[in-house]
Protein backbone atom coordinates (compact mmCIF):
# COMPACT_ATOMS: atom_id res chain seq x y z
CA MET A 1 4.99 12.39 -7.96
CA GLU A 2 4.08 10.89 -4.62
CA LEU A 3 1.61 12.86 -2.57
CA VAL A 4 2.72 11.18 0.65
CA ARG A 5 6.26 9.98 1.26
CA LYS A 6 7.34 7.35 3.78
CA THR A 7 10.22 8.44 6.00
CA GLU A 8 12.23 6.66 8.68
CA THR A 9 9.93 8.12 11.35
CA GLY A 10 6.57 7.99 9.58
CA TYR A 11 5.07 9.86 6.64
CA GLU A 12 5.26 13.38 5.25
CA THR A 13 3.50 15.45 2.64
CA ASP A 14 3.72 18.91 1.20
CA ASP A 15 -0.06 19.15 0.70
CA VAL A 16 -1.99 17.96 3.75
CA GLN A 17 -5.39 18.88 2.29
CA ALA A 18 -4.80 16.90 -0.90
CA ALA A 19 -3.52 13.93 1.14
CA LEU A 20 -6.64 14.00 3.33
CA GLU A 21 -8.92 14.19 0.30
CA LYS A 22 -7.17 11.22 -1.28
CA LEU A 23 -7.45 9.23 1.94
CA ALA A 24 -11.16 10.08 2.14
CA ARG A 25 -11.65 8.80 -1.42
CA LEU A 26 -9.83 5.56 -0.56
CA GLU A 27 -11.99 5.10 2.54
CA ALA A 28 -15.12 5.74 0.48
CA LEU A 29 -13.95 3.18 -2.09
CA ALA A 30 -13.39 0.59 0.64
CA ALA A 31 -16.78 1.26 2.25
CA ARG A 32 -18.63 1.13 -1.07
CA THR A 33 -16.87 -2.08 -2.08
CA GLN A 34 -17.74 -3.70 1.26
CA ALA A 35 -21.37 -2.62 0.92
CA ARG A 36 -21.51 -3.98 -2.62
CA GLN A 37 -20.10 -7.30 -1.38
CA ARG A 38 -23.00 -7.58 1.06
CA GLU A 39 -25.48 -6.76 -1.73
CA LEU A 40 -23.94 -9.37 -4.00
CA THR A 41 -24.04 -12.01 -1.25
CA GLU A 42 -27.78 -11.45 -0.90
CA LYS A 43 -28.32 -11.43 -4.67
CA LEU A 44 -26.39 -14.66 -5.14
CA ALA A 45 -28.33 -16.32 -2.32
CA ALA A 46 -31.61 -15.30 -3.93
CA LEU A 47 -30.49 -16.61 -7.33
CA ARG A 48 -29.38 -19.88 -5.73
CA ALA A 49 -32.79 -20.20 -4.05
CA GLU A 50 -34.37 -19.80 -7.49
CA LYS A 51 -31.98 -22.47 -8.90
CA LYS A 52 -30.46 -19.93 -11.31
CA GLU A 53 -26.80 -20.78 -10.73
CA ARG A 54 -26.22 -21.17 -14.46
CA SER A 55 -27.79 -17.85 -15.45
CA VAL A 56 -25.80 -14.97 -16.88
CA GLN A 57 -27.03 -12.79 -14.03
CA PHE A 58 -25.62 -15.23 -11.44
CA ARG A 59 -22.29 -15.56 -13.23
CA GLU A 60 -21.89 -11.80 -13.59
CA ALA A 61 -22.69 -11.24 -9.91
CA LEU A 62 -20.26 -13.98 -8.90
CA ALA A 63 -17.51 -12.50 -11.08
CA GLU A 64 -18.09 -9.07 -9.54
CA LYS A 65 -18.01 -10.57 -6.04
CA LEU A 66 -14.70 -12.29 -6.76
CA THR A 67 -13.22 -9.11 -8.23
CA ASN A 68 -14.40 -7.04 -5.27
CA GLY A 69 -12.92 -9.64 -2.94
CA ALA A 70 -9.53 -9.22 -4.59
CA VAL A 71 -9.77 -5.42 -4.30
CA LEU A 72 -10.72 -5.68 -0.62
CA SER A 73 -7.86 -8.10 0.03
CA ALA A 74 -5.42 -5.61 -1.47
CA LEU A 75 -6.88 -2.75 0.56
CA GLU A 76 -6.73 -4.85 3.73
CA ALA A 77 -3.10 -5.78 3.04
CA TYR A 78 -2.26 -2.08 3.18
CA GLY A 79 -4.48 -1.41 6.18
CA LEU A 80 -7.04 0.57 4.18
CA ALA A 81 -10.06 -1.68 4.83
CA ASP A 82 -11.30 -3.70 7.76
């Protein structure tokens, strides 16, 4: 069941409180993912400075950064992240 339904004039819901809580969780997800992206950028830069581009730690951080980027792109496409 959809919590929020799109109508011709906007959106509607039967449970405003639940809809607000869900929106807050989505916003928290977007903010945490953006913060993690910044952390990963710093971590990758440090590993590059140490010439550890082939390390497991570097590859795992890079994979996480790419995955987070895809999540953020999807959130941005729906106007849920800046």
